Protein backbone atom coordinates (compact mmCIF):
# COMPACT_ATOMS: atom_id res chain seq x y z
CA MET A 1 -12.90 59.79 -22.66
CA THR A 2 -10.59 61.29 -20.53
CA GLY A 3 -9.84 60.83 -16.83
CA THR A 4 -9.52 63.27 -14.03
CA THR A 5 -9.38 62.99 -10.29
CA ALA A 6 -12.25 64.18 -8.37
CA SER A 7 -10.29 67.24 -6.76
CA GLY A 8 -9.16 68.22 -10.36
CA SER A 9 -10.63 71.17 -12.03
CA SER A 10 -12.97 69.40 -14.39
CA GLY A 11 -15.92 70.71 -12.53
CA HIS A 12 -17.32 67.12 -11.85
CA ARG A 13 -17.77 66.12 -8.17
CA GLY A 14 -16.71 62.69 -6.92
CA ARG A 15 -14.98 61.15 -3.92
CA PRO A 16 -11.41 62.70 -3.28
CA GLY A 17 -8.76 60.88 -5.16
CA ARG A 18 -11.14 58.74 -7.13
CA GLU A 19 -10.59 58.70 -10.83
CA LEU A 20 -13.49 60.00 -12.89
CA THR A 21 -14.14 59.46 -16.64
CA THR A 22 -15.38 62.46 -18.61
CA ALA A 23 -16.96 62.54 -21.94
CA SER A 24 -15.27 64.74 -24.67
CA GLU A 25 -16.01 65.43 -28.34
CA GLY A 26 -13.66 63.67 -30.74
CA GLN A 27 -13.31 61.98 -34.01
CA ARG A 28 -15.90 59.36 -34.65
CA SER A 29 -17.66 60.10 -31.33
CA LEU A 30 -20.90 58.30 -32.29
CA PRO A 31 -20.87 54.51 -32.36
CA PRO A 32 -21.88 52.77 -35.73
CA PRO A 33 -25.37 51.77 -36.27
CA GLU A 34 -26.24 48.31 -35.43
CA ASP A 35 -25.95 45.70 -38.19
CA VAL A 36 -23.66 47.89 -40.14
CA GLY A 37 -21.48 45.00 -40.83
CA GLY A 38 -18.41 45.46 -38.61
CA ALA A 39 -15.38 47.68 -39.29
CA PRO A 40 -15.56 47.05 -43.17
CA GLY A 41 -19.26 47.74 -43.24
CA TYR A 42 -18.93 50.94 -41.20
CA GLU A 43 -16.26 52.21 -43.48
CA GLU A 44 -18.27 51.49 -46.46
CA PHE A 45 -21.26 53.18 -44.68
CA LEU A 46 -19.38 56.37 -44.04
CA GLU A 47 -18.07 56.42 -47.62
CA ALA A 48 -21.68 56.03 -49.03
CA LEU A 49 -22.95 58.70 -46.71
CA ALA A 50 -20.19 61.21 -47.60
CA ASP A 51 -20.52 60.74 -51.40
CA PRO A 52 -23.96 61.64 -52.91
CA ASP A 53 -22.79 59.90 -56.19
CA HIS A 54 -22.04 56.50 -54.32
CA GLU A 55 -24.32 53.82 -55.58
CA GLN A 56 -25.65 53.07 -51.98
CA HIS A 57 -25.84 56.72 -50.83
CA ASP A 58 -29.49 56.90 -50.96
CA ASP A 59 -30.14 53.56 -49.14
CA MET A 60 -27.60 54.39 -46.35
CA VAL A 61 -29.23 57.77 -45.89
CA SER A 62 -32.63 56.14 -45.80
CA TRP A 63 -31.45 53.15 -43.49
CA SER A 64 -29.63 55.51 -40.95
CA GLY A 65 -32.50 57.82 -40.56
CA ALA A 66 -30.90 60.78 -42.62
CA SER A 67 -29.48 62.17 -39.38
CA PHE A 68 -26.51 60.09 -38.71
CA ASP A 69 -23.44 62.17 -37.99
CA PRO A 70 -20.39 60.17 -36.80
CA GLU A 71 -18.71 63.27 -35.38
CA ASP A 72 -21.60 64.22 -33.12
CA ALA A 73 -21.77 62.13 -29.96
CA ARG A 74 -24.49 64.41 -28.52
CA ILE A 75 -22.56 65.11 -25.50
CA GLU A 76 -25.06 67.50 -24.16
CA ARG A 77 -27.69 64.81 -24.03
CA ILE A 78 -25.20 62.21 -22.46
CA VAL A 79 -24.23 64.75 -19.73
CA GLU A 80 -27.72 65.78 -19.10
CA ARG A 81 -28.76 61.97 -18.65
CA PHE A 82 -25.83 61.28 -16.37
CA ASP A 83 -26.68 64.39 -14.12
CA GLN A 84 -30.22 63.01 -13.87
CA LEU A 85 -28.92 59.57 -12.78
CA ALA A 86 -26.51 61.30 -10.45
CA LYS A 87 -29.42 63.09 -8.65
CA LYS A 88 -31.37 60.01 -8.64
CA TRP A 89 -28.53 57.83 -7.06
CA ALA A 90 -26.92 60.53 -4.79
CA PRO A 91 -26.83 59.49 -1.17
CA ARG A 92 -29.57 60.99 0.87
CA PRO A 93 -29.41 61.88 4.51
CA GLY A 94 -30.76 58.91 6.48
CA LYS A 95 -33.38 59.07 9.15
CA PRO A 96 -31.82 59.28 12.71
CA LYS A 97 -31.89 55.93 14.41
CA ALA A 98 -34.25 55.87 17.43
CA THR A 99 -32.09 55.18 20.62
CA LYS A 100 -33.34 52.51 22.90
CA ALA A 101 -34.21 53.58 26.37
CA THR A 102 -32.20 51.80 28.93
CA PRO A 103 -34.15 50.82 32.21
């Protein structure tokens, strides 16, 4: 994740001077699967996935759904979802308040 100000050239809009966080691709972008066994279990999991001769390779491929790629954070899907939420939560112009007639 990298930060930029709203007036920066990142293409993201926000309040002027407000720090924005942006997602970027990088090493081990995807979090480990649940119940992988903490850092040591994740290391073993990655070793087993990378080595077809590893004794647990087939089990780990099956357990992870055969599509786990620790380098792919699926940035496009994340950005798409953030854009949907931003549109949903964007301030909308309010209805003009009725003025009270004075006698």
